[in-house]
Structure formats: structure tokens, C-alpha cells
Protein backbone atom coordinates (compact mmCIF):
# COMPACT_ATOMS: atom_id res chain seq x y z
CA UNK A 1 119.67 88.79 77.20
CA UNK A 2 119.11 92.33 78.56
CA UNK A 3 118.15 93.03 82.19
CA UNK A 4 114.45 93.59 81.47
CA UNK A 5 114.07 90.32 79.51
CA UNK A 6 115.78 88.43 82.31
CA UNK A 7 113.49 90.06 84.89
CA UNK A 8 110.37 89.24 82.86
CA UNK A 9 111.45 85.63 82.53
CA UNK A 10 112.12 85.34 86.27
CA UNK A 11 108.86 87.15 87.13
CA UNK A 12 106.89 84.67 85.03
CA UNK A 13 108.45 81.82 87.02
CA UNK A 14 107.81 83.44 90.41
CA UNK A 15 104.34 84.98 90.10
CA UNK A 16 101.39 82.86 91.12
CA UNK A 17 98.86 84.33 88.69
CA UNK A 18 98.54 86.41 85.54
CA UNK A 19 97.39 89.53 87.39
CA UNK A 20 100.56 89.53 89.52
CA UNK A 21 102.73 89.00 86.46
CA UNK A 22 101.01 91.90 84.66
CA UNK A 23 101.78 94.23 87.60
CA UNK A 24 105.44 93.22 87.53
CA UNK A 25 105.55 93.51 83.74
CA UNK A 26 104.07 97.03 83.92
CA UNK A 27 106.72 98.09 86.46
CA UNK A 28 109.53 96.61 84.35
CA UNK A 29 108.42 98.19 81.08
CA UNK A 30 107.33 101.64 82.26
CA UNK A 31 109.24 104.84 82.73
CA UNK A 32 109.46 106.31 86.25
CA UNK A 33 106.05 107.66 87.33
CA UNK A 34 107.63 110.97 88.31
CA UNK A 35 110.98 112.70 88.47
CA UNK A 36 112.32 113.14 91.99
CA UNK A 37 113.09 116.63 93.24
CA UNK A 38 115.12 118.01 96.10
CA UNK A 39 113.04 119.34 98.96
CA UNK A 40 113.02 123.06 99.65
CA UNK A 41 114.02 122.52 103.28
CA UNK A 42 117.23 120.76 102.21
CA UNK A 43 116.48 117.44 103.92
CA UNK A 44 115.97 115.44 100.73
CA UNK A 45 118.20 115.44 97.69
CA UNK A 46 117.54 114.48 94.08
CA UNK A 47 120.00 111.62 93.65
CA UNK A 48 120.69 110.06 90.25
CA UNK A 49 122.52 106.73 90.51
CA UNK A 50 123.96 104.93 87.45
CA UNK A 51 122.92 101.32 88.07
CA UNK A 52 125.02 98.63 86.39
CA UNK A 53 122.44 96.02 87.36
CA UNK A 54 119.63 97.84 85.52
CA UNK A 55 121.75 99.57 82.88
CA UNK A 56 119.86 102.77 83.69
CA UNK A 57 119.85 105.81 85.94
CA UNK A 58 117.89 105.15 89.15
CA UNK A 59 116.48 108.07 91.13
CA UNK A 60 116.35 108.39 94.91
CA UNK A 61 115.09 111.19 97.16
CA UNK A 62 116.48 110.34 100.56
CA UNK A 63 120.19 110.20 101.25
CA UNK A 64 119.55 108.46 104.58
CA UNK A 65 117.05 105.74 103.57
CA UNK A 66 116.49 105.31 99.83
CA UNK A 67 120.03 105.81 98.60
CA UNK A 68 121.71 103.38 101.06
CA UNK A 69 119.03 100.77 100.21
CA UNK A 70 119.64 101.42 96.51
CA UNK A 71 123.36 100.75 96.99
CA UNK A 72 122.56 97.59 98.94
CA UNK A 73 120.17 96.36 96.23
CA UNK A 74 122.71 97.11 93.52
CA UNK A 75 125.27 94.88 95.21
CA UNK A 76 123.07 91.98 96.40
CA UNK A 77 122.93 89.12 93.92
CA UNK A 78 119.57 87.91 95.27
CA UNK A 79 117.91 91.19 94.25
CA UNK A 80 117.12 90.93 90.55
CA UNK A 81 116.02 94.47 89.77
CA UNK A 82 115.60 97.98 91.11
CA UNK A 83 112.87 100.33 89.93
CA UNK A 84 112.65 103.95 90.84
CA UNK A 85 109.20 105.54 91.07
CA UNK A 86 107.25 102.55 89.72
CA UNK A 87 103.70 103.04 88.42
CA UNK A 88 100.92 103.20 90.97
CA UNK A 89 99.27 99.93 92.00
CA UNK A 90 96.06 99.52 93.94
CA UNK A 91 94.66 96.93 96.31
CA UNK A 92 91.16 96.21 97.57
CA UNK A 93 90.67 95.79 101.30
CA UNK A 94 87.58 94.29 102.91
CA UNK A 95 86.58 94.54 106.56
CA UNK A 96 86.09 91.36 108.59
CA UNK A 97 82.37 91.22 107.92
CA UNK A 98 83.07 91.80 104.19
CA UNK A 99 80.39 94.48 104.22
CA UNK A 100 82.71 97.29 103.15
CA UNK A 101 85.39 97.39 100.51
CA UNK A 102 88.07 100.05 100.29
CA UNK A 103 90.53 100.60 97.46
CA UNK A 104 93.99 101.91 98.36
CA UNK A 105 96.52 103.26 95.89
CA UNK A 106 100.22 102.51 96.46
CA UNK A 107 103.14 104.22 94.82
């Protein structure tokens, strides 16, 4: 069983509803939303990491935050998968009086 099939199977077990499973499924089956680039000021680097866990190249932009976390995720057995630049997801937020709704996009 390849990594994506295993992740889909586990996601189906762990998600509480179909909408949550569909979000996870979209992230598992999609290509990265964008290709990372090095910053012009030299603070961020375009890092390409060959992940054994995902059998794919995983991108990272930050050598101080993203890349160390990527290495940690690669080596932790409790972490099932790593996705670089997943597709955008959105959430709806309501104020306490439920009179206003705001949609936020997350990437």
C-alpha cells in the first residue's frame, strides 16, 4: 500500500465528518499549491527535501523554522504525512452575537 492510500485510510478513521475527510483527501491528492522561492534578501532559501516517508520531494522556505520541523516530522512515527504548500482551505467565523460572518482563507 503506497503512502497516500495509507494516509487516506487513516484519515477516514480519524475524521469526524465527510467535509473534514474531503479537505484531507484534497490535500493528499493535490500537487503543491505553489513552488517555493528563495527570498531576495537572502533570509529564506528554497529547500527541496527528499522525503522517504512521502516518497516525494517536499519543499520548505525557512531554514530556521520549516526545515527543522520537516526533519522532525520525517523522523517521528506518530506523524503520518507531510505536505508542502497544501491547497488553500477556508473557515467561517461568526461573532458572539452571530450577527456577522467572516470567511478566512488559510494556506
